[in-house]
Amino acid sequence: MSNDELPRTANRSGFVTIAGRTNVGKSTLLNRILGTSVAVVSRKPQTTRTRILGAHHFAGGQIVFVDTPGLHQPERELGKRMLATAHAALADCDVVLLVADSGHPPGAAEEEVVRRSGSRPILLALNKVD
């Protein structure tokens, strides 16, 4: 089906927020999805301090991925601002992609993502399965 054949009511783009704890692989996943390095990847926690946007284009539309800072218990003002950025991204998307470390049981961070996502669909991506 070409773009001209799509119904006018069809969604041709959408926003997906990538959320989860610190160091679960959110930025690495974004880079892999896009096929290029748009987000810094490091073993150091809290490397992503702001939202990072990356668009994946395909026939008939695009998906805009929003990489967010990791969910954590902030101790300083910077941490509080980073957490507020992640919360805002959860409130401003069409779909949530929750990235979780398969070696850790779900906890407060994952529950927070579910709670703040409201009625938005949530996809779970388990990482670090090796």
C-alpha atoms as a PDB file:
ATOM      1  CA  MET A   1       0.000   0.000   0.000  1.00  0.00           C
ATOM      2  CA  SER A   2       1.449   3.364  -0.989  1.00  0.00           C
ATOM      3  CA  ASN A   3       1.205   6.543   1.081  1.00  0.00           C
ATOM      4  CA  ASP A   4      -1.542   7.822  -1.241  1.00  0.00           C
ATOM      5  CA  GLU A   5      -3.625   4.724  -0.530  1.00  0.00           C
ATOM      6  CA  LEU A   6      -3.482   5.042   3.262  1.00  0.00           C
ATOM      7  CA  PRO A   7      -6.720   6.210   4.862  1.00  0.00           C
ATOM      8  CA  ARG A   8      -6.597   9.819   6.037  1.00  0.00           C
ATOM      9  CA  THR A   9      -7.346   8.659   9.589  1.00  0.00           C
ATOM     10  CA  ALA A  10      -4.368   6.291   9.699  1.00  0.00           C
ATOM     11  CA  ASN A  11      -1.550   7.220  12.061  1.00  0.00           C
ATOM     12  CA  ARG A  12       1.587   7.800  10.084  1.00  0.00           C
ATOM     13  CA  SER A  13       3.827   8.590  13.020  1.00  0.00           C
ATOM     14  CA  GLY A  14       4.024   7.975  16.724  1.00  0.00           C
ATOM     15  CA  PHE A  15       6.195   8.496  19.771  1.00  0.00           C
ATOM     16  CA  VAL A  16       7.710   5.624  21.750  1.00  0.00           C
ATOM     17  CA  THR A  17       9.318   6.435  25.089  1.00  0.00           C
ATOM     18  CA  ILE A  18      12.151   4.079  26.068  1.00  0.00           C
ATOM     19  CA  ALA A  19      12.132   3.874  29.875  1.00  0.00           C
ATOM     20  CA  GLY A  20      13.679   1.802  32.651  1.00  0.00           C
ATOM     21  CA  ARG A  21      16.242   1.761  35.428  1.00  0.00           C
ATOM     22  CA  THR A  22      19.747   3.097  34.982  1.00  0.00           C
ATOM     23  CA  ASN A  23      22.163   0.974  32.939  1.00  0.00           C
ATOM     24  CA  VAL A  24      19.628  -1.455  31.494  1.00  0.00           C
ATOM     25  CA  GLY A  25      20.568  -0.701  27.873  1.00  0.00           C
ATOM     26  CA  LYS A  26      18.042   1.928  26.789  1.00  0.00           C
ATOM     27  CA  SER A  27      20.546   3.969  24.775  1.00  0.00           C
ATOM     28  CA  THR A  28      22.153   0.862  23.284  1.00  0.00           C
ATOM     29  CA  LEU A  29      18.723  -0.333  22.161  1.00  0.00           C
ATOM     30  CA  LEU A  30      17.941   3.033  20.563  1.00  0.00           C
ATOM     31  CA  ASN A  31      21.233   2.973  18.660  1.00  0.00           C
ATOM     32  CA  ARG A  32      20.536  -0.576  17.434  1.00  0.00           C
ATOM     33  CA  ILE A  33      16.995   0.248  16.307  1.00  0.00           C
ATOM     34  CA  LEU A  34      18.199   3.278  14.356  1.00  0.00           C
ATOM     35  CA  GLY A  35      21.303   1.564  12.975  1.00  0.00           C
ATOM     36  CA  THR A  36      23.521   4.472  13.984  1.00  0.00           C
ATOM     37  CA  SER A  37      24.938   5.998  17.150  1.00  0.00           C
ATOM     38  CA  VAL A  38      22.726   8.865  18.344  1.00  0.00           C
ATOM     39  CA  ALA A  39      22.956   8.201  22.089  1.00  0.00           C
ATOM     40  CA  VAL A  40      26.118   7.934  24.164  1.00  0.00           C
ATOM     41  CA  VAL A  41      26.639   4.462  25.622  1.00  0.00           C
ATOM     42  CA  SER A  42      28.724   4.001  28.764  1.00  0.00           C
ATOM     43  CA  ARG A  43      29.030   1.664  31.724  1.00  0.00           C
ATOM     44  CA  LYS A  44      28.754   4.746  33.941  1.00  0.00           C
ATOM     45  CA  PRO A  45      25.229   5.190  35.357  1.00  0.00           C
ATOM     46  CA  GLN A  46      23.234   8.298  34.394  1.00  0.00           C
ATOM     47  CA  THR A  47      25.089   9.014  31.151  1.00  0.00           C
ATOM     48  CA  THR A  48      21.819  10.070  29.488  1.00  0.00           C
ATOM     49  CA  ARG A  49      20.801  13.307  31.184  1.00  0.00           C
ATOM     50  CA  THR A  50      18.197  14.648  28.766  1.00  0.00           C
ATOM     51  CA  ARG A  51      15.727  13.219  26.265  1.00  0.00           C
ATOM     52  CA  ILE A  52      17.356  11.965  23.095  1.00  0.00           C
ATOM     53  CA  LEU A  53      15.143  11.708  20.032  1.00  0.00           C
ATOM     54  CA  GLY A  54      15.717   9.337  17.139  1.00  0.00           C
ATOM     55  CA  ALA A  55      13.367   8.732  14.210  1.00  0.00           C
ATOM     56  CA  HIS A  56      12.982   5.420  12.395  1.00  0.00           C
ATOM     57  CA  HIS A  57      11.473   5.968   8.946  1.00  0.00           C
ATOM     58  CA  PHE A  58       9.628   3.320   6.966  1.00  0.00           C
ATOM     59  CA  ALA A  59       7.216   3.216   4.060  1.00  0.00           C
ATOM     60  CA  GLY A  60       4.126   5.103   5.131  1.00  0.00           C
ATOM     61  CA  GLY A  61       5.392   6.656   8.347  1.00  0.00           C
ATOM     62  CA  GLN A  62       7.895   7.013  11.108  1.00  0.00           C
ATOM     63  CA  ILE A  63       8.403   6.147  14.749  1.00  0.00           C
ATOM     64  CA  VAL A  64      10.078   8.725  16.957  1.00  0.00           C
ATOM     65  CA  PHE A  65      11.915   7.036  19.827  1.00  0.00           C
ATOM     66  CA  VAL A  66      12.566   9.026  23.007  1.00  0.00           C
ATOM     67  CA  ASP A  67      15.513   7.778  25.067  1.00  0.00           C
ATOM     68  CA  THR A  68      15.213   8.879  28.687  1.00  0.00           C
ATOM     69  CA  PRO A  69      17.431   9.116  31.752  1.00  0.00           C
ATOM     70  CA  GLY A  70      17.268   6.037  33.961  1.00  0.00           C
ATOM     71  CA  LEU A  71      14.775   5.860  36.795  1.00  0.00           C
ATOM     72  CA  HIS A  72      16.516   6.105  40.148  1.00  0.00           C
ATOM     73  CA  GLN A  73      16.273   7.662  43.618  1.00  0.00           C
ATOM     74  CA  PRO A  74      17.743  11.155  43.142  1.00  0.00           C
ATOM     75  CA  GLU A  75      20.086  12.562  45.756  1.00  0.00           C
ATOM     76  CA  ARG A  76      20.836  15.958  44.195  1.00  0.00           C
ATOM     77  CA  GLU A  77      19.112  18.556  42.063  1.00  0.00           C
ATOM     78  CA  LEU A  78      20.562  17.175  38.804  1.00  0.00           C
ATOM     79  CA  GLY A  79      19.118  13.748  39.598  1.00  0.00           C
ATOM     80  CA  LYS A  80      15.727  15.286  40.339  1.00  0.00           C
ATOM     81  CA  ARG A  81      15.726  17.107  37.009  1.00  0.00           C
ATOM     82  CA  MET A  82      16.742  13.970  35.144  1.00  0.00           C
ATOM     83  CA  LEU A  83      13.928  12.047  36.814  1.00  0.00           C
ATOM     84  CA  ALA A  84      11.443  14.797  35.923  1.00  0.00           C
ATOM     85  CA  THR A  85      12.606  14.522  32.288  1.00  0.00           C
ATOM     86  CA  ALA A  86      11.924  10.782  32.288  1.00  0.00           C
ATOM     87  CA  HIS A  87       8.501  11.281  33.884  1.00  0.00           C
ATOM     88  CA  ALA A  88       7.541  13.939  31.328  1.00  0.00           C
ATOM     89  CA  ALA A  89       8.504  11.624  28.469  1.00  0.00           C
ATOM     90  CA  LEU A  90       6.244   8.906  29.891  1.00  0.00           C
ATOM     91  CA  ALA A  91       3.326  11.329  29.958  1.00  0.00           C
ATOM     92  CA  ASP A  92       3.931  12.539  26.412  1.00  0.00           C
ATOM     93  CA  CYS A  93       4.054   9.441  24.206  1.00  0.00           C
ATOM     94  CA  ASP A  94       1.886   6.948  22.355  1.00  0.00           C
ATOM     95  CA  VAL A  95       3.633   3.750  23.484  1.00  0.00           C
ATOM     96  CA  VAL A  96       6.077   2.937  26.291  1.00  0.00           C
ATOM     97  CA  LEU A  97       8.976   0.545  25.722  1.00  0.00           C
ATOM     98  CA  LEU A  98      10.033  -0.643  29.181  1.00  0.00           C
ATOM     99  CA  VAL A  99      13.579  -2.018  29.123  1.00  0.00           C
ATOM    100  CA  ALA A 100      14.409  -4.292  32.051  1.00  0.00           C
ATOM    101  CA  ASP A 101      17.493  -6.224  33.111  1.00  0.00           C
ATOM    102  CA  SER A 102      16.558  -9.916  33.088  1.00  0.00           C
ATOM    103  CA  GLY A 103      18.941 -10.546  35.999  1.00  0.00           C
ATOM    104  CA  HIS A 104      16.990  -8.311  38.399  1.00  0.00           C
ATOM    105  CA  PRO A 105      13.426  -8.856  39.599  1.00  0.00           C
ATOM    106  CA  PRO A 106      10.919  -6.101  38.835  1.00  0.00           C
ATOM    107  CA  GLY A 107      10.906  -3.373  41.441  1.00  0.00           C
ATOM    108  CA  ALA A 108       9.840   0.166  42.176  1.00  0.00           C
ATOM    109  CA  ALA A 109      11.235   1.595  38.909  1.00  0.00           C
ATOM    110  CA  GLU A 110       9.236  -0.809  36.753  1.00  0.00           C
ATOM    111  CA  GLU A 111       6.105  -0.236  38.838  1.00  0.00           C
ATOM    112  CA  GLU A 112       6.573   3.504  38.423  1.00  0.00           C
ATOM    113  CA  VAL A 113       6.735   3.161  34.633  1.00  0.00           C
ATOM    114  CA  VAL A 114       3.505   1.166  34.622  1.00  0.00           C
ATOM    115  CA  ARG A 115       1.775   3.628  36.952  1.00  0.00           C
ATOM    116  CA  ARG A 116       2.884   6.727  35.030  1.00  0.00           C
ATOM    117  CA  SER A 117       2.034   5.210  31.643  1.00  0.00           C
ATOM    118  CA  GLY A 118      -1.672   5.411  32.338  1.00  0.00           C
ATOM    119  CA  SER A 119      -3.629   3.660  29.606  1.00  0.00           C
ATOM    120  CA  ARG A 120      -0.782   3.737  27.064  1.00  0.00           C
ATOM    121  CA  PRO A 121       0.368   0.379  25.701  1.00  0.00           C
ATOM    122  CA  ILE A 122       3.563  -0.936  27.323  1.00  0.00           C
ATOM    123  CA  LEU A 123       6.010  -3.219  25.556  1.00  0.00           C
ATOM    124  CA  LEU A 124       8.548  -5.081  27.707  1.00  0.00           C
ATOM    125  CA  ALA A 125      12.064  -5.602  26.382  1.00  0.00           C
ATOM    126  CA  LEU A 126      14.232  -7.906  28.497  1.00  0.00           C
ATOM    127  CA  ASN A 127      17.932  -7.176  28.191  1.00  0.00           C
ATOM    128  CA  LYS A 128      21.119  -8.825  29.409  1.00  0.00           C
ATOM    129  CA  VAL A 129      19.772 -12.346  28.996  1.00  0.00           C
ATOM    130  CA  ASP A 130      23.240 -13.781  28.336  1.00  0.00           C
END
